[in-house]
PDB file of N, CA and C in Angstrom:
ATOM      1  N   MET A   1       1.794  20.361 -11.560  1.00  0.00           N
ATOM      2  CA  MET A   1       2.176  19.645 -12.774  1.00  0.00           C
ATOM      3  C   MET A   1       2.451  18.835 -12.444  1.00  0.00           C
ATOM      4  N   ILE A   2       1.723  17.584 -13.132  1.00  0.00           N
ATOM      5  CA  ILE A   2       2.398  16.770 -12.553  1.00  0.00           C
ATOM      6  C   ILE A   2       3.327  15.901 -13.180  1.00  0.00           C
ATOM      7  N   PRO A   3       4.587  15.564 -12.811  1.00  0.00           N
ATOM      8  CA  PRO A   3       5.680  14.843 -14.026  1.00  0.00           C
ATOM      9  C   PRO A   3       5.203  13.349 -14.764  1.00  0.00           C
ATOM     10  N   LEU A   4       6.013  13.409 -15.823  1.00  0.00           N
ATOM     11  CA  LEU A   4       5.505  12.311 -16.463  1.00  0.00           C
ATOM     12  C   LEU A   4       6.794  11.669 -16.472  1.00  0.00           C
ATOM     13  N   ARG A   5       8.116  11.728 -16.823  1.00  0.00           N
ATOM     14  CA  ARG A   5       8.878  11.174 -16.334  1.00  0.00           C
ATOM     15  C   ARG A   5      10.238  11.952 -15.487  1.00  0.00           C
ATOM     16  N   ASP A   6      11.153  11.241 -15.609  1.00  0.00           N
ATOM     17  CA  ASP A   6      12.455  11.778 -14.922  1.00  0.00           C
ATOM     18  C   ASP A   6      13.310  11.849 -15.791  1.00  0.00           C
ATOM     19  N   THR A   7      14.992  12.742 -15.535  1.00  0.00           N
ATOM     20  CA  THR A   7      15.937  12.180 -16.544  1.00  0.00           C
ATOM     21  C   THR A   7      17.129  11.716 -16.150  1.00  0.00           C
ATOM     22  N   THR A   8      17.013  11.301 -14.749  1.00  0.00           N
ATOM     23  CA  THR A   8      17.429   9.845 -14.308  1.00  0.00           C
ATOM     24  C   THR A   8      17.289   8.468 -15.238  1.00  0.00           C
ATOM     25  N   ARG A   9      17.908   7.715 -15.634  1.00  0.00           N
ATOM     26  CA  ARG A   9      17.302   6.873 -16.294  1.00  0.00           C
ATOM     27  C   ARG A   9      18.561   5.400 -15.640  1.00  0.00           C
ATOM     28  N   SER A  10      17.972   3.980 -15.460  1.00  0.00           N
ATOM     29  CA  SER A  10      18.200   3.387 -14.930  1.00  0.00           C
ATOM     30  C   SER A  10      18.512   2.265 -16.264  1.00  0.00           C
ATOM     31  N   PRO A  11      19.666   1.428 -16.251  1.00  0.00           N
ATOM     32  CA  PRO A  11      20.587   0.610 -17.124  1.00  0.00           C
ATOM     33  C   PRO A  11      19.547  -0.443 -17.605  1.00  0.00           C
ATOM     34  N   GLY A  12      18.184  -0.731 -16.594  1.00  0.00           N
ATOM     35  CA  GLY A  12      17.401  -2.048 -16.856  1.00  0.00           C
ATOM     36  C   GLY A  12      16.230  -1.637 -16.398  1.00  0.00           C
ATOM     37  N   PHE A  13      15.529  -2.898 -16.873  1.00  0.00           N
ATOM     38  CA  PHE A  13      13.910  -2.453 -16.551  1.00  0.00           C
ATOM     39  C   PHE A  13      13.549  -2.619 -15.567  1.00  0.00           C
ATOM     40  N   PRO A  14      12.852  -2.200 -14.315  1.00  0.00           N
ATOM     41  CA  PRO A  14      12.474  -2.046 -13.038  1.00  0.00           C
ATOM     42  C   PRO A  14      11.514  -3.155 -12.536  1.00  0.00           C
ATOM     43  N   TYR A  15      12.360  -4.015 -13.054  1.00  0.00           N
ATOM     44  CA  TYR A  15      11.238  -5.419 -12.202  1.00  0.00           C
ATOM     45  C   TYR A  15      10.364  -5.206 -10.902  1.00  0.00           C
ATOM     46  N   VAL A  16      11.296  -4.750  -9.614  1.00  0.00           N
ATOM     47  CA  VAL A  16      10.617  -4.210  -8.280  1.00  0.00           C
ATOM     48  C   VAL A  16       9.790  -3.589  -8.678  1.00  0.00           C
ATOM     49  N   ASN A  17       9.710  -2.600  -9.090  1.00  0.00           N
ATOM     50  CA  ASN A  17       8.659  -1.412  -8.841  1.00  0.00           C
ATOM     51  C   ASN A  17       7.928  -2.219 -10.217  1.00  0.00           C
ATOM     52  N   ALA A  18       7.771  -2.620 -10.817  1.00  0.00           N
ATOM     53  CA  ALA A  18       6.852  -3.474 -11.543  1.00  0.00           C
ATOM     54  C   ALA A  18       5.560  -4.182 -10.370  1.00  0.00           C
ATOM     55  N   ALA A  19       6.772  -4.565 -10.419  1.00  0.00           N
ATOM     56  CA  ALA A  19       6.390  -5.949  -9.202  1.00  0.00           C
ATOM     57  C   ALA A  19       5.296  -5.121  -7.732  1.00  0.00           C
ATOM     58  N   LEU A  20       5.880  -4.266  -7.421  1.00  0.00           N
ATOM     59  CA  LEU A  20       5.179  -3.479  -6.197  1.00  0.00           C
ATOM     60  C   LEU A  20       4.009  -2.666  -7.160  1.00  0.00           C
ATOM     61  N   ILE A  21       4.314  -2.333  -8.144  1.00  0.00           N
ATOM     62  CA  ILE A  21       2.830  -1.870  -9.044  1.00  0.00           C
ATOM     63  C   ILE A  21       1.354  -3.191  -9.188  1.00  0.00           C
ATOM     64  N   VAL A  22       1.524  -3.761  -9.385  1.00  0.00           N
ATOM     65  CA  VAL A  22       1.082  -4.442  -9.515  1.00  0.00           C
ATOM     66  C   VAL A  22       0.347  -5.535  -7.650  1.00  0.00           C
ATOM     67  N   MET A  23       1.364  -5.700  -7.391  1.00  0.00           N
ATOM     68  CA  MET A  23       1.050  -5.895  -5.987  1.00  0.00           C
ATOM     69  C   MET A  23      -0.209  -5.204  -5.231  1.00  0.00           C
ATOM     70  N   ASN A  24       0.207  -3.837  -5.355  1.00  0.00           N
ATOM     71  CA  ASN A  24      -0.983  -3.080  -5.033  1.00  0.00           C
ATOM     72  C   ASN A  24      -2.079  -2.403  -5.840  1.00  0.00           C
ATOM     73  N   VAL A  25      -1.616  -2.757  -6.912  1.00  0.00           N
ATOM     74  CA  VAL A  25      -3.264  -3.096  -8.271  1.00  0.00           C
ATOM     75  C   VAL A  25      -4.051  -4.379  -7.551  1.00  0.00           C
ATOM     76  N   LEU A  26      -3.444  -4.886  -7.187  1.00  0.00           N
ATOM     77  CA  LEU A  26      -4.099  -6.239  -6.723  1.00  0.00           C
ATOM     78  C   LEU A  26      -4.821  -6.100  -5.446  1.00  0.00           C
ATOM     79  N   VAL A  27      -4.087  -5.874  -4.928  1.00  0.00           N
ATOM     80  CA  VAL A  27      -4.173  -5.487  -3.137  1.00  0.00           C
ATOM     81  C   VAL A  27      -5.621  -4.547  -2.985  1.00  0.00           C
ATOM     82  N   PHE A  28      -5.613  -3.237  -4.164  1.00  0.00           N
ATOM     83  CA  PHE A  28      -6.487  -2.269  -4.215  1.00  0.00           C
ATOM     84  C   PHE A  28      -8.269  -3.182  -4.203  1.00  0.00           C
ATOM     85  N   LEU A  29      -7.612  -3.971  -6.103  1.00  0.00           N
ATOM     86  CA  LEU A  29      -8.831  -4.757  -6.100  1.00  0.00           C
ATOM     87  C   LEU A  29      -9.130  -6.101  -5.425  1.00  0.00           C
ATOM     88  N   TYR A  30      -9.020  -6.208  -4.591  1.00  0.00           N
ATOM     89  CA  TYR A  30      -9.220  -7.401  -3.730  1.00  0.00           C
ATOM     90  C   TYR A  30     -10.434  -7.178  -2.512  1.00  0.00           C
ATOM     91  N   GLY A  31      -9.551  -5.991  -2.135  1.00  0.00           N
ATOM     92  CA  GLY A  31     -10.170  -4.292  -1.275  1.00  0.00           C
ATOM     93  C   GLY A  31     -11.382  -4.387  -1.479  1.00  0.00           C
ATOM     94  N   TYR A  32     -11.421  -3.598  -2.945  1.00  0.00           N
ATOM     95  CA  TYR A  32     -12.692  -3.625  -3.643  1.00  0.00           C
ATOM     96  C   TYR A  32     -13.775  -3.872  -3.576  1.00  0.00           C
ATOM     97  N   SER A  33     -13.273  -5.825  -4.554  1.00  0.00           N
ATOM     98  CA  SER A  33     -14.141  -6.506  -4.592  1.00  0.00           C
ATOM     99  C   SER A  33     -15.026  -7.072  -3.246  1.00  0.00           C
ATOM    100  N   LEU A  34     -14.420  -6.822  -1.748  1.00  0.00           N
ATOM    101  CA  LEU A  34     -14.856  -6.629  -0.763  1.00  0.00           C
ATOM    102  C   LEU A  34     -16.093  -5.932  -0.553  1.00  0.00           C
ATOM    103  N   GLY A  35     -16.683  -5.045  -1.300  1.00  0.00           N
ATOM    104  CA  GLY A  35     -17.663  -4.555  -1.078  1.00  0.00           C
ATOM    105  C   GLY A  35     -18.050  -4.215   0.088  1.00  0.00           C
ATOM    106  N   GLY A  36     -18.817  -4.534   1.071  1.00  0.00           N
ATOM    107  CA  GLY A  36     -19.548  -3.831   2.454  1.00  0.00           C
ATOM    108  C   GLY A  36     -18.344  -4.089   3.505  1.00  0.00           C
ATOM    109  N   TYR A  37     -17.188  -5.299   3.259  1.00  0.00           N
ATOM    110  CA  TYR A  37     -16.435  -6.297   3.883  1.00  0.00           C
ATOM    111  C   TYR A  37     -15.212  -5.172   3.926  1.00  0.00           C
ATOM    112  N   MET A  38     -15.002  -4.189   3.136  1.00  0.00           N
ATOM    113  CA  MET A  38     -13.862  -3.312   3.130  1.00  0.00           C
ATOM    114  C   MET A  38     -13.697  -2.643   4.430  1.00  0.00           C
ATOM    115  N   ASP A  39     -14.816  -2.307   5.127  1.00  0.00           N
ATOM    116  CA  ASP A  39     -14.287  -1.435   6.504  1.00  0.00           C
ATOM    117  C   ASP A  39     -13.069  -2.832   6.880  1.00  0.00           C
ATOM    118  N   LEU A  40     -13.721  -4.145   7.580  1.00  0.00           N
ATOM    119  CA  LEU A  40     -13.322  -4.956   8.425  1.00  0.00           C
ATOM    120  C   LEU A  40     -12.066  -4.947   7.615  1.00  0.00           C
ATOM    121  N   PHE A  41     -11.781  -4.909   6.234  1.00  0.00           N
ATOM    122  CA  PHE A  41     -10.172  -5.428   5.667  1.00  0.00           C
ATOM    123  C   PHE A  41      -9.316  -4.174   6.056  1.00  0.00           C
ATOM    124  N   ILE A  42      -9.870  -3.325   6.170  1.00  0.00           N
ATOM    125  CA  ILE A  42      -8.700  -1.832   6.190  1.00  0.00           C
ATOM    126  C   ILE A  42      -8.591  -1.645   7.961  1.00  0.00           C
ATOM    127  N   PHE A  43      -9.750  -2.159   9.039  1.00  0.00           N
ATOM    128  CA  PHE A  43      -9.094  -2.202   9.857  1.00  0.00           C
ATOM    129  C   PHE A  43      -8.155  -3.502  10.525  1.00  0.00           C
ATOM    130  N   ARG A  44      -7.987  -4.988   9.629  1.00  0.00           N
ATOM    131  CA  ARG A  44      -7.283  -6.057   9.919  1.00  0.00           C
ATOM    132  C   ARG A  44      -6.259  -5.478   9.126  1.00  0.00           C
ATOM    133  N   TYR A  45      -5.706  -4.715   8.547  1.00  0.00           N
ATOM    134  CA  TYR A  45      -4.506  -4.383   7.801  1.00  0.00           C
ATOM    135  C   TYR A  45      -3.979  -3.452   7.833  1.00  0.00           C
ATOM    136  N   GLY A  46      -4.786  -2.063   8.290  1.00  0.00           N
ATOM    137  CA  GLY A  46      -4.176  -0.556   8.236  1.00  0.00           C
ATOM    138  C   GLY A  46      -3.794  -0.553   8.950  1.00  0.00           C
ATOM    139  N   LEU A  47      -3.019   0.466   8.767  1.00  0.00           N
ATOM    140  CA  LEU A  47      -2.372   0.998  10.348  1.00  0.00           C
ATOM    141  C   LEU A  47      -3.141   2.025  11.053  1.00  0.00           C
ATOM    142  N   ILE A  48      -3.285   1.087  12.208  1.00  0.00           N
ATOM    143  CA  ILE A  48      -4.772   2.232  13.542  1.00  0.00           C
ATOM    144  C   ILE A  48      -3.653   2.166  14.806  1.00  0.00           C
ATOM    145  N   PRO A  49      -3.524   3.603  14.984  1.00  0.00           N
ATOM    146  CA  PRO A  49      -2.242   3.450  15.734  1.00  0.00           C
ATOM    147  C   PRO A  49      -2.986   2.948  17.751  1.00  0.00           C
ATOM    148  N   ALA A  50      -3.993   3.379  18.055  1.00  0.00           N
ATOM    149  CA  ALA A  50      -4.568   2.863  18.787  1.00  0.00           C
ATOM    150  C   ALA A  50      -4.392   1.112  19.159  1.00  0.00           C
ATOM    151  N   ASN A  51      -4.637   0.583  17.902  1.00  0.00           N
ATOM    152  CA  ASN A  51      -4.378  -1.067  17.616  1.00  0.00           C
ATOM    153  C   ASN A  51      -3.251  -1.410  17.589  1.00  0.00           C
ATOM    154  N   VAL A  52      -2.318  -0.812  16.921  1.00  0.00           N
ATOM    155  CA  VAL A  52      -0.754  -0.947  17.194  1.00  0.00           C
ATOM    156  C   VAL A  52       0.537  -0.853  18.469  1.00  0.00           C
ATOM    157  N   PHE A  53      -0.125   0.561  19.092  1.00  0.00           N
ATOM    158  CA  PHE A  53       0.349   1.089  20.640  1.00  0.00           C
ATOM    159  C   PHE A  53      -0.120   0.482  21.526  1.00  0.00           C
ATOM    160  N   SER A  54      -1.473  -0.269  21.302  1.00  0.00           N
ATOM    161  CA  SER A  54      -1.757  -0.452  22.682  1.00  0.00           C
ATOM    162  C   SER A  54      -0.667  -1.238  24.131  1.00  0.00           C
ATOM    163  N   SER A  55      -1.148  -1.265  24.846  1.00  0.00           N
ATOM    164  CA  SER A  55      -0.180  -1.763  25.977  1.00  0.00           C
ATOM    165  C   SER A  55      -1.300  -2.831  26.581  1.00  0.00           C
ATOM    166  N   ALA A  56      -2.743  -3.635  26.026  1.00  0.00           N
ATOM    167  CA  ALA A  56      -3.348  -4.785  26.241  1.00  0.00           C
ATOM    168  C   ALA A  56      -2.437  -5.937  26.400  1.00  0.00           C
ATOM    169  N   PRO A  57      -2.524  -6.248  27.531  1.00  0.00           N
ATOM    170  CA  PRO A  57      -1.947  -7.929  27.484  1.00  0.00           C
ATOM    171  C   PRO A  57      -2.618  -8.715  26.515  1.00  0.00           C
ATOM    172  N   ASP A  58      -3.106  -9.095  25.917  1.00  0.00           N
ATOM    173  CA  ASP A  58      -3.617 -10.091  25.658  1.00  0.00           C
ATOM    174  C   ASP A  58      -3.951  -9.707  23.820  1.00  0.00           C
ATOM    175  N   SER A  59      -2.935  -8.248  23.529  1.00  0.00           N
ATOM    176  CA  SER A  59      -3.078  -8.413  22.182  1.00  0.00           C
ATOM    177  C   SER A  59      -1.999  -8.609  21.636  1.00  0.00           C
ATOM    178  N   ASP A  60      -1.827  -9.742  20.864  1.00  0.00           N
ATOM    179  CA  ASP A  60      -0.647 -10.358  19.808  1.00  0.00           C
ATOM    180  C   ASP A  60       0.464  -9.939  19.133  1.00  0.00           C
ATOM    181  N   LEU A  61       1.670  -9.802  19.090  1.00  0.00           N
ATOM    182  CA  LEU A  61       3.007  -8.794  18.737  1.00  0.00           C
ATOM    183  C   LEU A  61       2.505  -8.504  17.420  1.00  0.00           C
ATOM    184  N   ALA A  62       2.483  -9.935  16.604  1.00  0.00           N
ATOM    185  CA  ALA A  62       2.273 -10.046  15.237  1.00  0.00           C
ATOM    186  C   ALA A  62       1.280  -9.324  14.742  1.00  0.00           C
ATOM    187  N   ASN A  63       0.544  -9.421  15.500  1.00  0.00           N
ATOM    188  CA  ASN A  63      -0.873  -8.046  14.907  1.00  0.00           C
ATOM    189  C   ASN A  63      -0.732  -6.759  15.388  1.00  0.00           C
ATOM    190  N   ARG A  64       0.736  -6.640  16.040  1.00  0.00           N
ATOM    191  CA  ARG A  64       1.031  -5.144  15.833  1.00  0.00           C
ATOM    192  C   ARG A  64       1.904  -4.358  15.348  1.00  0.00           C
ATOM    193  N   ILE A  65       2.568  -5.960  14.637  1.00  0.00           N
ATOM    194  CA  ILE A  65       3.788  -5.212  14.195  1.00  0.00           C
ATOM    195  C   ILE A  65       3.495  -5.311  12.256  1.00  0.00           C
ATOM    196  N   TYR A  66       2.503  -6.544  11.942  1.00  0.00           N
ATOM    197  CA  TYR A  66       2.404  -6.394  10.381  1.00  0.00           C
ATOM    198  C   TYR A  66       1.267  -5.417   9.384  1.00  0.00           C
ATOM    199  N   PRO A  67       1.284  -4.294  10.521  1.00  0.00           N
ATOM    200  CA  PRO A  67       0.490  -3.514   9.788  1.00  0.00           C
ATOM    201  C   PRO A  67       1.166  -3.028   9.478  1.00  0.00           C
ATOM    202  N   PHE A  68       2.038  -2.238  10.113  1.00  0.00           N
ATOM    203  CA  PHE A  68       3.497  -1.475   9.513  1.00  0.00           C
ATOM    204  C   PHE A  68       3.806  -1.893   7.985  1.00  0.00           C
ATOM    205  N   LEU A  69       3.715  -3.613   7.166  1.00  0.00           N
ATOM    206  CA  LEU A  69       3.900  -3.520   6.088  1.00  0.00           C
ATOM    207  C   LEU A  69       2.534  -3.798   4.857  1.00  0.00           C
ATOM    208  N   THR A  70       1.500  -4.103   5.845  1.00  0.00           N
ATOM    209  CA  THR A  70       0.615  -4.540   5.176  1.00  0.00           C
ATOM    210  C   THR A  70      -0.124  -3.260   4.520  1.00  0.00           C
ATOM    211  N   SER A  71       0.066  -1.819   6.058  1.00  0.00           N
ATOM    212  CA  SER A  71      -0.618  -0.908   5.362  1.00  0.00           C
ATOM    213  C   SER A  71      -0.278   0.178   3.772  1.00  0.00           C
ATOM    214  N   MET A  72       1.169  -0.354   3.697  1.00  0.00           N
ATOM    215  CA  MET A  72       1.713   0.112   2.309  1.00  0.00           C
ATOM    216  C   MET A  72       0.900   0.025   1.338  1.00  0.00           C
ATOM    217  N   PHE A  73       0.272  -1.400   0.984  1.00  0.00           N
ATOM    218  CA  PHE A  73      -0.432  -1.486   0.024  1.00  0.00           C
ATOM    219  C   PHE A  73      -2.311  -0.911   0.166  1.00  0.00           C
ATOM    220  N   LEU A  74      -2.486  -0.196   1.145  1.00  0.00           N
ATOM    221  CA  LEU A  74      -3.719   0.353   1.029  1.00  0.00           C
ATOM    222  C   LEU A  74      -3.601   1.559   0.503  1.00  0.00           C
ATOM    223  N   HIS A  75      -4.926   1.701  -0.158  1.00  0.00           N
ATOM    224  CA  HIS A  75      -4.889   3.035  -0.609  1.00  0.00           C
ATOM    225  C   HIS A  75      -6.287   3.732   0.105  1.00  0.00           C
ATOM    226  N   GLY A  76      -6.989   4.879  -0.668  1.00  0.00           N
ATOM    227  CA  GLY A  76      -8.095   5.600   0.151  1.00  0.00           C
ATOM    228  C   GLY A  76      -8.949   4.993  -1.862  1.00  0.00           C
ATOM    229  N   GLY A  77      -8.733   5.265  -2.623  1.00  0.00           N
ATOM    230  CA  GLY A  77      -9.775   5.156  -3.677  1.00  0.00           C
ATOM    231  C   GLY A  77      -8.732   5.093  -5.228  1.00  0.00           C
ATOM    232  N   TRP A  78      -9.282   5.298  -6.283  1.00  0.00           N
ATOM    233  CA  TRP A  78      -8.086   5.469  -7.516  1.00  0.00           C
ATOM    234  C   TRP A  78      -7.592   6.469  -7.580  1.00  0.00           C
ATOM    235  N   LEU A  79      -7.957   7.418  -6.966  1.00  0.00           N
ATOM    236  CA  LEU A  79      -6.572   8.715  -6.966  1.00  0.00           C
ATOM    237  C   LEU A  79      -5.480   8.033  -6.693  1.00  0.00           C
ATOM    238  N   HIS A  80      -5.990   7.844  -5.820  1.00  0.00           N
ATOM    239  CA  HIS A  80      -4.591   8.067  -4.783  1.00  0.00           C
ATOM    240  C   HIS A  80      -3.950   6.609  -5.304  1.00  0.00           C
ATOM    241  N   LEU A  81      -4.500   5.464  -5.020  1.00  0.00           N
ATOM    242  CA  LEU A  81      -3.549   4.536  -5.857  1.00  0.00           C
ATOM    243  C   LEU A  81      -2.664   5.041  -7.316  1.00  0.00           C
ATOM    244  N   ILE A  82      -3.367   5.349  -8.694  1.00  0.00           N
ATOM    245  CA  ILE A  82      -2.924   6.038  -9.175  1.00  0.00           C
ATOM    246  C   ILE A  82      -2.054   7.086  -9.231  1.00  0.00           C
ATOM    247  N   GLY A  83      -1.962   7.650  -8.537  1.00  0.00           N
ATOM    248  CA  GLY A  83      -1.052   8.754  -7.937  1.00  0.00           C
ATOM    249  C   GLY A  83       0.046   8.301  -7.413  1.00  0.00           C
ATOM    250  N   ASN A  84      -0.330   8.050  -6.341  1.00  0.00           N
ATOM    251  CA  ASN A  84       1.602   6.848  -6.236  1.00  0.00           C
ATOM    252  C   ASN A  84       2.260   5.927  -6.927  1.00  0.00           C
ATOM    253  N   MET A  85       0.725   5.210  -7.424  1.00  0.00           N
ATOM    254  CA  MET A  85       1.673   4.386  -8.881  1.00  0.00           C
ATOM    255  C   MET A  85       2.632   5.085  -9.768  1.00  0.00           C
ATOM    256  N   LEU A  86       2.200   6.370 -10.309  1.00  0.00           N
ATOM    257  CA  LEU A  86       2.429   7.218 -11.421  1.00  0.00           C
ATOM    258  C   LEU A  86       4.241   7.960 -10.792  1.00  0.00           C
ATOM    259  N   PHE A  87       4.118   7.873  -9.348  1.00  0.00           N
ATOM    260  CA  PHE A  87       4.784   8.691  -8.841  1.00  0.00           C
ATOM    261  C   PHE A  87       5.614   7.716  -8.512  1.00  0.00           C
ATOM    262  N   LEU A  88       5.681   6.406  -8.281  1.00  0.00           N
ATOM    263  CA  LEU A  88       6.322   5.258  -7.999  1.00  0.00           C
ATOM    264  C   LEU A  88       7.323   4.636  -9.326  1.00  0.00           C
ATOM    265  N   TRP A  89       5.809   4.439 -10.222  1.00  0.00           N
ATOM    266  CA  TRP A  89       7.310   4.179 -11.751  1.00  0.00           C
ATOM    267  C   TRP A  89       8.048   5.337 -12.093  1.00  0.00           C
ATOM    268  N   ILE A  90       7.804   6.450 -12.042  1.00  0.00           N
ATOM    269  CA  ILE A  90       8.607   7.844 -12.322  1.00  0.00           C
ATOM    270  C   ILE A  90       9.792   7.592 -11.525  1.00  0.00           C
ATOM    271  N   TYR A  91      10.075   7.684 -10.200  1.00  0.00           N
ATOM    272  CA  TYR A  91      10.831   8.130  -9.369  1.00  0.00           C
ATOM    273  C   TYR A  91      11.343   6.802  -8.557  1.00  0.00           C
ATOM    274  N   GLY A  92      10.710   5.915  -8.864  1.00  0.00           N
ATOM    275  CA  GLY A  92      11.897   4.283  -8.408  1.00  0.00           C
ATOM    276  C   GLY A  92      12.471   3.849  -9.135  1.00  0.00           C
ATOM    277  N   ASP A  93      13.076   4.000 -10.636  1.00  0.00           N
ATOM    278  CA  ASP A  93      14.047   3.083 -10.854  1.00  0.00           C
ATOM    279  C   ASP A  93      15.067   3.485 -10.573  1.00  0.00           C
TER     280      ASP A  93
END
């Protein structure tokens, strides 16, 4: 059963949740618009353990840290995005 609401109500509008949902949708639409370059987009911004935890001396520290943040905005498809955003909207207030 998919939940549609929770019983705990916040005193105001959840602006941060709405902003996160909008950002997630925009990142998904941008990645989707890349077409054949979507794989490169995911490879660059996704959390790939071999890239993040490599001990290669030429690997940039920033490129090993950024994926911990950027990967949170990547989704595998429409259902993945909709499911995550639904749960964020319901339980994130």
